[in-house]
Amino acid sequence: MKAIKKIASICLCICIYIMLFSCSNNLSRGKAKELIIQKMHLPQIETTKMLKRYLDHSWGDMGFFSMPKVCYVVGDQYSDVKGRLDDLQAKGVINITQSEEYNDGCHFVWKNVNLTDEGKKYLVADANGEYELRTSELAFGQVTGIQVNEQFKVAEANFTIRRVNATPFADNDVSRITDIDNAVNFSLYDDGWRINN
């Protein structure tokens, strides 16, 4: 009877060892997902930057020889972003106001961008004359496949990242892209699978 218990105990230990050893060598979809989320710090916030003011137009006083002074400001012009700003104003996330400035013989007309209470919900940072605004989030989608090379103890996992929670500040082209295909390589170490850098 003792011999049978001893053989049963040995068989049980061998079965447990085989199960543990085989499980540690398999890269499951769940484990791949966990490691990818940890490595990529998902979900991630995507942002865009928007200036607080844009030059609408400028002109200079008359200078020498009845020539107007040249007044120019480097940067984005209101005409370049007017359509986008009008769209955001129609969505109720910004207000556009106008101000004038006179400096050293130059007249400047500015279009000022102010966030509404609704727009402030998406504010990430407000510094250096610009807003940083949340446009969407990148979240883990799903593992679409895993290829394991047991001989070399490496694996490749294909997965998707989903763009979710698009805000009014997201470009229309960007907000249409919901799934982004990706791949990552793993190596098997004595303590388990790790993502290669």
N, C-alpha and C. Protein backbone atom coordinates (compact mmCIF):
# COMPACT_ATOMS: atom_id res chain seq x y z
N MET A 1 0.82 -1.19 0.00
CA MET A 1 0.00 0.00 0.00
C MET A 1 0.86 1.26 0.00
N LYS A 2 1.97 1.21 0.78
CA LYS A 2 2.86 2.37 0.81
C LYS A 2 3.52 2.58 -0.54
N ALA A 3 3.84 1.52 -1.21
CA ALA A 3 4.47 1.62 -2.54
C ALA A 3 3.53 2.27 -3.54
N ILE A 4 2.26 1.94 -3.46
CA ILE A 4 1.27 2.51 -4.38
C ILE A 4 1.13 4.01 -4.10
N LYS A 5 1.08 4.42 -2.82
CA LYS A 5 0.99 5.84 -2.46
C LYS A 5 2.23 6.59 -2.94
N LYS A 6 3.39 5.95 -2.79
CA LYS A 6 4.64 6.59 -3.21
C LYS A 6 4.66 6.77 -4.73
N ILE A 7 4.23 5.76 -5.49
CA ILE A 7 4.17 5.85 -6.96
C ILE A 7 3.14 6.90 -7.36
N ALA A 8 2.01 6.93 -6.68
CA ALA A 8 0.98 7.93 -6.99
C ALA A 8 1.50 9.33 -6.71
N SER A 9 2.22 9.51 -5.61
CA SER A 9 2.79 10.83 -5.28
C SER A 9 3.81 11.26 -6.32
N ILE A 10 4.65 10.33 -6.77
CA ILE A 10 5.66 10.64 -7.79
C ILE A 10 4.97 11.01 -9.09
N CYS A 11 3.96 10.23 -9.48
CA CYS A 11 3.22 10.53 -10.72
C CYS A 11 2.54 11.89 -10.64
N LEU A 12 1.97 12.19 -9.48
CA LEU A 12 1.32 13.49 -9.29
C LEU A 12 2.33 14.63 -9.41
N CYS A 13 3.49 14.46 -8.79
CA CYS A 13 4.55 15.49 -8.89
C CYS A 13 5.02 15.67 -10.32
N ILE A 14 5.17 14.56 -11.03
CA ILE A 14 5.60 14.65 -12.44
C ILE A 14 4.55 15.37 -13.26
N CYS A 15 3.27 15.07 -13.04
CA CYS A 15 2.18 15.74 -13.79
C CYS A 15 2.16 17.24 -13.49
N ILE A 16 2.32 17.59 -12.23
CA ILE A 16 2.32 19.01 -11.86
C ILE A 16 3.51 19.72 -12.49
N TYR A 17 4.68 19.07 -12.44
CA TYR A 17 5.88 19.66 -13.05
C TYR A 17 5.68 19.86 -14.56
N ILE A 18 5.13 18.87 -15.23
CA ILE A 18 4.89 18.98 -16.67
C ILE A 18 3.91 20.10 -16.97
N MET A 19 2.85 20.19 -16.17
CA MET A 19 1.86 21.25 -16.40
C MET A 19 2.48 22.63 -16.18
N LEU A 20 3.24 22.77 -15.11
CA LEU A 20 3.87 24.07 -14.84
C LEU A 20 4.89 24.41 -15.91
N PHE A 21 5.68 23.44 -16.32
CA PHE A 21 6.72 23.70 -17.32
C PHE A 21 6.10 24.04 -18.67
N SER A 22 5.05 23.32 -19.06
CA SER A 22 4.43 23.59 -20.36
C SER A 22 3.69 24.91 -20.35
N CYS A 23 3.07 25.26 -19.22
CA CYS A 23 2.35 26.53 -19.15
C CYS A 23 3.31 27.71 -19.21
N SER A 24 4.48 27.57 -18.59
CA SER A 24 5.41 28.70 -18.58
C SER A 24 6.01 28.96 -19.94
N ASN A 25 6.05 27.93 -20.80
CA ASN A 25 6.61 28.10 -22.14
C ASN A 25 5.59 28.61 -23.14
N ASN A 26 4.33 28.51 -22.81
CA ASN A 26 3.30 28.98 -23.73
C ASN A 26 3.01 30.44 -23.47
N LEU A 27 2.98 31.22 -24.54
CA LEU A 27 2.61 32.63 -24.42
C LEU A 27 1.13 32.73 -24.75
N SER A 28 0.31 32.89 -23.73
CA SER A 28 -1.14 32.98 -23.94
C SER A 28 -1.51 34.38 -24.41
N ARG A 29 -2.67 34.46 -24.99
CA ARG A 29 -3.17 35.78 -25.42
C ARG A 29 -3.36 36.69 -24.21
N GLY A 30 -3.82 36.14 -23.11
CA GLY A 30 -4.01 36.94 -21.90
C GLY A 30 -2.69 37.49 -21.37
N LYS A 31 -1.66 36.64 -21.36
CA LYS A 31 -0.35 37.09 -20.88
C LYS A 31 0.24 38.13 -21.83
N ALA A 32 0.10 37.90 -23.15
CA ALA A 32 0.60 38.88 -24.14
C ALA A 32 -0.11 40.21 -23.94
N LYS A 33 -1.42 40.19 -23.75
CA LYS A 33 -2.19 41.42 -23.53
C LYS A 33 -1.68 42.15 -22.29
N GLU A 34 -1.51 41.42 -21.20
CA GLU A 34 -1.04 42.02 -19.94
C GLU A 34 0.32 42.69 -20.13
N LEU A 35 1.26 42.01 -20.80
CA LEU A 35 2.60 42.56 -21.00
C LEU A 35 2.59 43.76 -21.94
N ILE A 36 1.76 43.71 -22.98
CA ILE A 36 1.68 44.83 -23.93
C ILE A 36 1.11 46.07 -23.26
N ILE A 37 0.03 45.90 -22.50
CA ILE A 37 -0.59 47.03 -21.79
C ILE A 37 0.41 47.66 -20.83
N GLN A 38 1.15 46.81 -20.13
CA GLN A 38 2.15 47.31 -19.18
C GLN A 38 3.28 48.05 -19.89
N LYS A 39 3.79 47.48 -20.98
CA LYS A 39 4.93 48.07 -21.70
C LYS A 39 4.55 49.39 -22.38
N MET A 40 3.35 49.44 -22.97
CA MET A 40 2.94 50.62 -23.73
C MET A 40 2.17 51.64 -22.88
N HIS A 41 1.98 51.34 -21.60
CA HIS A 41 1.27 52.24 -20.68
C HIS A 41 -0.11 52.62 -21.24
N LEU A 42 -0.88 51.60 -21.61
CA LEU A 42 -2.21 51.83 -22.17
C LEU A 42 -3.24 51.87 -21.05
N PRO A 43 -4.28 52.66 -21.15
CA PRO A 43 -4.56 53.58 -22.27
C PRO A 43 -3.70 54.84 -22.21
N GLN A 44 -3.46 55.41 -23.39
CA GLN A 44 -2.69 56.64 -23.52
C GLN A 44 -3.59 57.74 -24.07
N ILE A 45 -3.36 58.94 -23.59
CA ILE A 45 -4.12 60.10 -24.09
C ILE A 45 -3.39 60.68 -25.28
N GLU A 46 -4.13 60.95 -26.36
CA GLU A 46 -3.59 61.66 -27.52
C GLU A 46 -4.01 63.12 -27.41
N THR A 47 -3.10 64.02 -27.77
CA THR A 47 -3.39 65.44 -27.66
C THR A 47 -3.03 66.18 -28.93
N THR A 48 -3.51 67.41 -29.00
CA THR A 48 -3.14 68.34 -30.07
C THR A 48 -2.90 69.69 -29.41
N LYS A 49 -2.17 70.54 -30.12
CA LYS A 49 -1.92 71.88 -29.60
C LYS A 49 -2.62 72.91 -30.47
N MET A 50 -3.09 73.97 -29.82
CA MET A 50 -3.78 75.05 -30.52
C MET A 50 -3.32 76.38 -29.93
N LEU A 51 -2.93 77.29 -30.82
CA LEU A 51 -2.52 78.62 -30.37
C LEU A 51 -3.70 79.36 -29.76
N LYS A 52 -3.40 80.29 -28.87
CA LYS A 52 -4.45 81.10 -28.27
C LYS A 52 -4.82 82.29 -29.14
N ARG A 53 -3.92 82.65 -30.08
CA ARG A 53 -4.26 83.75 -30.97
C ARG A 53 -3.54 83.58 -32.31
N TYR A 54 -4.22 84.08 -33.35
CA TYR A 54 -3.71 84.00 -34.71
C TYR A 54 -3.80 85.38 -35.34
N LEU A 55 -2.82 85.72 -36.16
CA LEU A 55 -2.83 87.01 -36.85
C LEU A 55 -3.86 86.97 -37.96
N ASP A 56 -4.80 87.90 -37.90
CA ASP A 56 -5.80 88.02 -38.97
C ASP A 56 -5.23 88.86 -40.11
N HIS A 57 -4.77 90.05 -39.78
CA HIS A 57 -4.10 90.89 -40.78
C HIS A 57 -3.33 92.01 -40.07
N SER A 58 -2.47 92.66 -40.84
CA SER A 58 -1.67 93.75 -40.27
C SER A 58 -1.38 94.77 -41.37
N TRP A 59 -1.03 95.99 -40.95
CA TRP A 59 -0.61 97.03 -41.87
C TRP A 59 0.29 98.00 -41.12
N GLY A 60 1.07 98.71 -41.86
CA GLY A 60 2.01 99.64 -41.25
C GLY A 60 1.69 101.09 -41.58
N ASP A 61 2.13 101.98 -40.70
CA ASP A 61 2.01 103.41 -40.95
C ASP A 61 2.91 103.79 -42.12
N MET A 62 2.65 104.94 -42.68
CA MET A 62 3.50 105.44 -43.77
C MET A 62 4.86 105.81 -43.20
N GLY A 63 5.89 105.36 -43.85
CA GLY A 63 7.24 105.62 -43.40
C GLY A 63 7.94 106.59 -44.34
N PHE A 64 9.24 106.43 -44.48
CA PHE A 64 10.03 107.29 -45.37
C PHE A 64 9.58 107.11 -46.80
N PHE A 65 9.69 108.19 -47.55
CA PHE A 65 9.36 108.22 -48.98
C PHE A 65 7.94 107.74 -49.26
N SER A 66 7.03 107.98 -48.31
CA SER A 66 5.62 107.60 -48.46
C SER A 66 5.41 106.12 -48.71
N MET A 67 6.29 105.29 -48.16
CA MET A 67 6.18 103.84 -48.28
C MET A 67 5.64 103.30 -46.95
N PRO A 68 4.64 102.42 -47.00
CA PRO A 68 4.14 101.87 -45.74
C PRO A 68 5.18 100.94 -45.11
N LYS A 69 5.20 100.99 -43.80
CA LYS A 69 6.11 100.12 -43.06
C LYS A 69 5.64 98.67 -43.22
N VAL A 70 6.58 97.76 -43.38
CA VAL A 70 6.23 96.34 -43.51
C VAL A 70 6.10 95.75 -42.11
N CYS A 71 4.95 95.14 -41.87
CA CYS A 71 4.66 94.55 -40.57
C CYS A 71 4.30 93.08 -40.78
N TYR A 72 5.09 92.23 -40.22
CA TYR A 72 4.86 90.81 -40.44
C TYR A 72 5.13 90.04 -39.15
N VAL A 73 4.32 89.04 -38.91
CA VAL A 73 4.49 88.19 -37.74
C VAL A 73 4.70 86.76 -38.22
N VAL A 74 5.70 86.11 -37.68
CA VAL A 74 5.97 84.73 -38.04
C VAL A 74 5.01 83.83 -37.27
N GLY A 75 4.45 82.87 -37.93
CA GLY A 75 3.54 81.94 -37.26
C GLY A 75 2.31 81.68 -38.09
N ASP A 76 1.38 80.94 -37.50
CA ASP A 76 0.16 80.56 -38.19
C ASP A 76 -0.73 81.78 -38.39
N GLN A 77 -1.26 81.88 -39.57
CA GLN A 77 -2.20 82.94 -39.90
C GLN A 77 -3.63 82.43 -39.67
N TYR A 78 -4.50 83.33 -39.33
CA TYR A 78 -5.89 82.96 -39.08
C TYR A 78 -6.52 82.33 -40.32
N SER A 79 -6.16 82.83 -41.49
CA SER A 79 -6.73 82.29 -42.72
C SER A 79 -6.38 80.81 -42.91
N ASP A 80 -5.23 80.37 -42.35
CA ASP A 80 -4.82 78.97 -42.48
C ASP A 80 -5.66 78.02 -41.63
N VAL A 81 -6.23 78.51 -40.55
CA VAL A 81 -6.96 77.65 -39.61
C VAL A 81 -8.42 78.06 -39.44
N LYS A 82 -8.87 79.02 -40.23
CA LYS A 82 -10.22 79.56 -40.07
C LYS A 82 -11.29 78.48 -40.13
N GLY A 83 -11.22 77.60 -41.12
CA GLY A 83 -12.23 76.55 -41.26
C GLY A 83 -12.29 75.65 -40.04
N ARG A 84 -11.15 75.26 -39.56
CA ARG A 84 -11.08 74.38 -38.38
C ARG A 84 -11.62 75.10 -37.14
N LEU A 85 -11.23 76.37 -36.95
CA LEU A 85 -11.69 77.12 -35.78
C LEU A 85 -13.20 77.39 -35.87
N ASP A 86 -13.69 77.67 -37.06
CA ASP A 86 -15.14 77.87 -37.22
C ASP A 86 -15.90 76.60 -36.85
N ASP A 87 -15.36 75.45 -37.24
CA ASP A 87 -15.98 74.17 -36.92
C ASP A 87 -16.01 73.94 -35.41
N LEU A 88 -14.90 74.24 -34.75
CA LEU A 88 -14.84 74.07 -33.29
C LEU A 88 -15.77 75.04 -32.58
N GLN A 89 -15.90 76.25 -33.12
CA GLN A 89 -16.82 77.22 -32.52
C GLN A 89 -18.27 76.74 -32.70
N ALA A 90 -18.57 76.16 -33.85
CA ALA A 90 -19.91 75.63 -34.08
C ALA A 90 -20.22 74.46 -33.13
N LYS A 91 -19.20 73.71 -32.73
CA LYS A 91 -19.38 72.60 -31.78
C LYS A 91 -19.50 73.09 -30.34
N GLY A 92 -19.25 74.38 -30.12
CA GLY A 92 -19.41 74.96 -28.79
C GLY A 92 -18.25 74.74 -27.84
N VAL A 93 -17.05 74.44 -28.37
CA VAL A 93 -15.91 74.20 -27.49
C VAL A 93 -14.94 75.38 -27.44
N ILE A 94 -15.07 76.32 -28.38
CA ILE A 94 -14.25 77.55 -28.34
C ILE A 94 -15.11 78.74 -28.72
N ASN A 95 -14.64 79.92 -28.34
CA ASN A 95 -15.18 81.20 -28.81
C ASN A 95 -14.02 81.95 -29.46
N ILE A 96 -14.30 82.65 -30.53
CA ILE A 96 -13.28 83.45 -31.21
C ILE A 96 -13.63 84.92 -31.03
N THR A 97 -12.67 85.66 -30.49
CA THR A 97 -12.84 87.10 -30.33
C THR A 97 -11.75 87.81 -31.12
N GLN A 98 -11.90 89.11 -31.26
CA GLN A 98 -10.92 89.89 -32.02
C GLN A 98 -10.32 90.97 -31.14
N SER A 99 -9.03 91.21 -31.31
CA SER A 99 -8.37 92.30 -30.60
C SER A 99 -7.40 92.98 -31.55
N GLU A 100 -7.06 94.23 -31.22
CA GLU A 100 -6.13 94.99 -32.04
C GLU A 100 -4.95 95.42 -31.20
N GLU A 101 -3.82 95.58 -31.87
CA GLU A 101 -2.59 95.95 -31.18
C GLU A 101 -1.80 96.89 -32.09
N TYR A 102 -1.21 97.90 -31.48
CA TYR A 102 -0.35 98.83 -32.21
C TYR A 102 1.04 98.76 -31.59
N ASN A 103 2.06 98.56 -32.45
CA ASN A 103 3.41 98.42 -31.92
C ASN A 103 4.40 98.94 -32.95
N ASP A 104 5.09 100.03 -32.60
CA ASP A 104 6.17 100.56 -33.44
C ASP A 104 5.75 100.79 -34.89
N GLY A 105 4.64 101.46 -35.05
CA GLY A 105 4.18 101.80 -36.41
C GLY A 105 3.44 100.70 -37.13
N CYS A 106 3.17 99.60 -36.45
CA CYS A 106 2.45 98.48 -37.06
C CYS A 106 1.13 98.25 -36.33
N HIS A 107 0.11 98.00 -37.12
CA HIS A 107 -1.22 97.67 -36.61
C HIS A 107 -1.45 96.17 -36.83
N PHE A 108 -1.89 95.49 -35.79
CA PHE A 108 -2.16 94.06 -35.88
C PHE A 108 -3.59 93.79 -35.44
N VAL A 109 -4.27 92.94 -36.18
CA VAL A 109 -5.60 92.48 -35.80
C VAL A 109 -5.47 90.97 -35.54
N TRP A 110 -5.82 90.58 -34.32
CA TRP A 110 -5.68 89.19 -33.88
C TRP A 110 -7.03 88.53 -33.70
N LYS A 111 -7.10 87.25 -33.97
CA LYS A 111 -8.24 86.42 -33.62
C LYS A 111 -7.81 85.59 -32.40
N ASN A 112 -8.53 85.75 -31.32
CA ASN A 112 -8.19 85.09 -30.05
C ASN A 112 -9.09 83.87 -29.84
N VAL A 113 -8.50 82.80 -29.43
CA VAL A 113 -9.23 81.56 -29.18
C VAL A 113 -9.38 81.39 -27.67
N ASN A 114 -10.62 81.27 -27.23
CA ASN A 114 -10.93 81.07 -25.82
C ASN A 114 -11.73 79.79 -25.68
N LEU A 115 -11.37 78.95 -24.73
CA LEU A 115 -12.12 77.72 -24.49
C LEU A 115 -13.41 78.03 -23.75
N THR A 116 -14.47 77.38 -24.16
CA THR A 116 -15.73 77.46 -23.41
C THR A 116 -15.65 76.48 -22.25
N ASP A 117 -16.67 76.48 -21.40
CA ASP A 117 -16.69 75.51 -20.30
C ASP A 117 -16.66 74.08 -20.85
N GLU A 118 -17.34 73.85 -21.96
CA GLU A 118 -17.33 72.53 -22.60
C GLU A 118 -15.92 72.21 -23.11
N GLY A 119 -15.25 73.17 -23.71
CA GLY A 119 -13.90 72.97 -24.23
C GLY A 119 -12.88 72.73 -23.14
N LYS A 120 -13.09 73.35 -21.98
CA LYS A 120 -12.15 73.18 -20.86
C LYS A 120 -12.13 71.75 -20.32
N LYS A 121 -13.16 70.96 -20.62
CA LYS A 121 -13.19 69.56 -20.19
C LYS A 121 -12.06 68.76 -20.83
N TYR A 122 -11.55 69.23 -21.97
CA TYR A 122 -10.53 68.49 -22.72
C TYR A 122 -9.15 69.11 -22.58
N LEU A 123 -9.02 70.13 -21.72
CA LEU A 123 -7.75 70.82 -21.54
C LEU A 123 -6.77 69.96 -20.75
N VAL A 124 -5.57 69.78 -21.32
CA VAL A 124 -4.51 69.03 -20.66
C VAL A 124 -3.49 70.00 -20.06
N ALA A 125 -3.13 71.04 -20.84
CA ALA A 125 -2.16 72.03 -20.37
C ALA A 125 -2.46 73.37 -21.04
N ASP A 126 -2.06 74.45 -20.35
CA ASP A 126 -2.27 75.81 -20.84
C ASP A 126 -0.99 76.59 -20.54
N ALA A 127 -0.11 76.69 -21.56
CA ALA A 127 1.17 77.36 -21.33
C ALA A 127 1.74 77.86 -22.65
N ASN A 128 2.61 78.87 -22.55
CA ASN A 128 3.36 79.41 -23.69
C ASN A 128 2.46 79.83 -24.85
N GLY A 129 1.34 80.42 -24.54
CA GLY A 129 0.46 80.94 -25.59
C GLY A 129 -0.29 79.89 -26.38
N GLU A 130 -0.42 78.68 -25.83
CA GLU A 130 -1.16 77.65 -26.54
C GLU A 130 -1.86 76.72 -25.55
N TYR A 131 -2.89 76.07 -26.07
CA TYR A 131 -3.61 75.05 -25.31
C TYR A 131 -3.13 73.68 -25.78
N GLU A 132 -3.02 72.74 -24.86
CA GLU A 132 -2.85 71.34 -25.23
C GLU A 132 -4.16 70.65 -24.87
N LEU A 133 -4.77 70.01 -25.86
CA LEU A 133 -6.12 69.49 -25.71
C LEU A 133 -6.18 68.00 -26.03
N ARG A 134 -6.97 67.27 -25.26
CA ARG A 134 -7.14 65.83 -25.50
C ARG A 134 -7.97 65.63 -26.75
N THR A 135 -7.50 64.75 -27.63
CA THR A 135 -8.24 64.44 -28.85
C THR A 135 -8.89 63.06 -28.80
N SER A 136 -8.22 62.10 -28.16
CA SER A 136 -8.75 60.74 -28.05
C SER A 136 -7.85 59.95 -27.12
N GLU A 137 -8.15 58.67 -26.99
CA GLU A 137 -7.33 57.77 -26.19
C GLU A 137 -6.96 56.56 -27.03
N LEU A 138 -5.77 56.04 -26.80
CA LEU A 138 -5.36 54.78 -27.40
C LEU A 138 -5.51 53.71 -26.33
N ALA A 139 -6.31 52.69 -26.63
CA ALA A 139 -6.55 51.60 -25.69
C ALA A 139 -6.24 50.27 -26.37
N PHE A 140 -5.97 49.27 -25.58
CA PHE A 140 -5.69 47.94 -26.14
C PHE A 140 -6.95 47.41 -26.80
N GLY A 141 -6.77 46.85 -28.00
CA GLY A 141 -7.89 46.23 -28.71
C GLY A 141 -7.95 44.75 -28.42
N GLN A 142 -7.18 43.97 -29.19
CA GLN A 142 -7.14 42.53 -28.98
C GLN A 142 -5.89 41.93 -29.59
N VAL A 143 -5.50 40.77 -29.07
CA VAL A 143 -4.42 40.01 -29.69
C VAL A 143 -5.04 39.27 -30.86
N THR A 144 -4.47 39.47 -32.05
CA THR A 144 -5.03 38.84 -33.25
C THR A 144 -4.28 37.57 -33.65
N GLY A 145 -3.12 37.34 -33.07
CA GLY A 145 -2.39 36.11 -33.36
C GLY A 145 -1.05 36.08 -32.66
N ILE A 146 -0.58 34.87 -32.36
CA ILE A 146 0.73 34.69 -31.73
C ILE A 146 1.47 33.59 -32.48
N GLN A 147 2.71 33.86 -32.85
CA GLN A 147 3.58 32.86 -33.47
C GLN A 147 4.75 32.62 -32.53
N VAL A 148 4.92 31.36 -32.10
CA VAL A 148 5.98 31.02 -31.17
C VAL A 148 7.02 30.16 -31.88
N ASN A 149 8.28 30.52 -31.72
CA ASN A 149 9.39 29.69 -32.20
C ASN A 149 10.03 29.08 -30.96
N GLU A 150 9.63 27.84 -30.66
CA GLU A 150 10.08 27.18 -29.43
C GLU A 150 11.59 26.93 -29.42
N GLN A 151 12.15 26.67 -30.61
CA GLN A 151 13.58 26.38 -30.68
C GLN A 151 14.41 27.58 -30.21
N PHE A 152 14.04 28.78 -30.64
CA PHE A 152 14.79 29.98 -30.28
C PHE A 152 14.20 30.72 -29.08
N LYS A 153 13.10 30.20 -28.54
CA LYS A 153 12.43 30.78 -27.37
C LYS A 153 12.04 32.24 -27.60
N VAL A 154 11.45 32.49 -28.76
CA VAL A 154 10.95 33.82 -29.11
C VAL A 154 9.52 33.69 -29.62
N ALA A 155 8.82 34.79 -29.62
CA ALA A 155 7.45 34.82 -30.12
C ALA A 155 7.15 36.20 -30.68
N GLU A 156 6.19 36.24 -31.59
CA GLU A 156 5.68 37.51 -32.10
C GLU A 156 4.18 37.52 -31.90
N ALA A 157 3.67 38.59 -31.31
CA ALA A 157 2.23 38.74 -31.11
C ALA A 157 1.74 39.90 -31.95
N ASN A 158 0.72 39.64 -32.74
CA ASN A 158 0.05 40.70 -33.50
C ASN A 158 -1.15 41.14 -32.68
N PHE A 159 -1.37 42.44 -32.63
CA PHE A 159 -2.46 42.96 -31.82
C PHE A 159 -2.96 44.27 -32.42
N THR A 160 -4.08 44.73 -31.92
CA THR A 160 -4.63 46.01 -32.36
C THR A 160 -4.71 46.96 -31.17
N ILE A 161 -4.57 48.22 -31.51
CA ILE A 161 -4.82 49.30 -30.55
C ILE A 161 -6.04 50.04 -31.08
N ARG A 162 -6.95 50.33 -30.19
CA ARG A 162 -8.19 51.02 -30.59
C ARG A 162 -8.11 52.49 -30.19
N ARG A 163 -8.54 53.34 -31.09
CA ARG A 163 -8.68 54.75 -30.77
C ARG A 163 -10.12 54.94 -30.30
N VAL A 164 -10.25 55.41 -29.05
CA VAL A 164 -11.57 55.53 -28.44
C VAL A 164 -11.74 56.93 -27.84
N ASN A 165 -12.96 57.24 -27.51
CA ASN A 165 -13.31 58.49 -26.82
C ASN A 165 -12.80 59.73 -27.56
N ALA A 166 -13.05 59.78 -28.87
CA ALA A 166 -12.66 60.96 -29.66
C ALA A 166 -13.41 62.19 -29.14
N THR A 167 -12.69 63.30 -29.02
CA THR A 167 -13.27 64.55 -28.55
C THR A 167 -13.54 65.45 -29.76
N PRO A 168 -14.20 66.58 -29.57
CA PRO A 168 -14.41 67.51 -30.67
C PRO A 168 -13.10 68.05 -31.27
N PHE A 169 -12.00 67.94 -30.52
CA PHE A 169 -10.72 68.47 -31.01
C PHE A 169 -9.97 67.48 -31.90
N ALA A 170 -10.49 66.26 -32.04
CA ALA A 170 -9.85 65.27 -32.92
C ALA A 170 -10.10 65.65 -34.38
N ASP A 171 -9.06 65.53 -35.20
CA ASP A 171 -9.25 65.72 -36.64
C ASP A 171 -10.21 64.66 -37.15
N ASN A 172 -11.00 65.01 -38.14
CA ASN A 172 -11.95 64.05 -38.69
C ASN A 172 -11.25 62.81 -39.23
N ASP A 173 -10.10 62.98 -39.88
CA ASP A 173 -9.37 61.85 -40.42
C ASP A 173 -8.89 60.93 -39.31
N VAL A 174 -8.41 61.49 -38.22
CA VAL A 174 -7.89 60.71 -37.11
C VAL A 174 -9.02 59.97 -36.40
N SER A 175 -10.14 60.62 -36.18
CA SER A 175 -11.23 60.00 -35.42
C SER A 175 -11.87 58.85 -36.19
N ARG A 176 -11.70 58.80 -37.51
CA ARG A 176 -12.23 57.69 -38.30
C ARG A 176 -11.40 56.42 -38.14
N ILE A 177 -10.12 56.55 -37.80
CA ILE A 177 -9.23 55.40 -37.66
C ILE A 177 -9.44 54.83 -36.27
N THR A 178 -10.11 53.68 -36.18
CA THR A 178 -10.39 53.12 -34.87
C THR A 178 -9.42 52.00 -34.49
N ASP A 179 -9.01 51.16 -35.44
CA ASP A 179 -8.09 50.07 -35.13
C ASP A 179 -6.75 50.30 -35.81
N ILE A 180 -5.68 50.15 -35.04
CA ILE A 180 -4.32 50.31 -35.55
C ILE A 180 -3.61 48.98 -35.33
N ASP A 181 -3.11 48.36 -36.40
CA ASP A 181 -2.43 47.07 -36.30
C ASP A 181 -1.00 47.27 -35.81
N ASN A 182 -0.57 46.37 -34.93
CA ASN A 182 0.77 46.42 -34.34
C ASN A 182 1.29 45.00 -34.16
N ALA A 183 2.58 44.91 -33.92
CA ALA A 183 3.21 43.63 -33.58
C ALA A 183 4.32 43.90 -32.58
N VAL A 184 4.59 42.92 -31.73
CA VAL A 184 5.65 43.05 -30.74
C VAL A 184 6.33 41.69 -30.61
N ASN A 185 7.64 41.72 -30.33
CA ASN A 185 8.41 40.49 -30.17
C ASN A 185 8.69 40.21 -28.70
N PHE A 186 8.63 38.94 -28.36
CA PHE A 186 8.87 38.47 -27.00
C PHE A 186 10.05 37.51 -26.99
N SER A 187 10.72 37.43 -25.85
CA SER A 187 11.74 36.40 -25.61
C SER A 187 11.40 35.70 -24.31
N LEU A 188 11.70 34.39 -24.26
CA LEU A 188 11.42 33.60 -23.07
C LEU A 188 12.67 33.55 -22.20
N TYR A 189 12.54 34.02 -20.96
CA TYR A 189 13.62 33.98 -19.98
C TYR A 189 13.26 32.95 -18.91
N ASP A 190 14.14 32.73 -17.97
CA ASP A 190 13.87 31.74 -16.93
C ASP A 190 12.68 32.13 -16.05
N ASP A 191 12.36 33.45 -16.00
CA ASP A 191 11.23 33.89 -15.19
C ASP A 191 9.96 34.15 -16.02
N GLY A 192 10.01 33.85 -17.30
CA GLY A 192 8.82 34.01 -18.15
C GLY A 192 9.09 34.88 -19.37
N TRP A 193 8.01 35.22 -20.06
CA TRP A 193 8.10 36.00 -21.30
C TRP A 193 8.31 37.48 -21.00
N ARG A 194 9.14 38.11 -21.83
CA ARG A 194 9.35 39.56 -21.75
C ARG A 194 9.31 40.15 -23.15
N ILE A 195 8.83 41.38 -23.24
CA ILE A 195 8.82 42.08 -24.52
C ILE A 195 10.22 42.60 -24.80
N ASN A 196 10.68 42.37 -26.04
CA ASN A 196 11.98 42.91 -26.45
C ASN A 196 11.85 44.41 -26.66
N ASN A 197 12.90 45.13 -26.35
CA ASN A 197 12.87 46.60 -26.53
C ASN A 197 12.92 47.00 -27.97
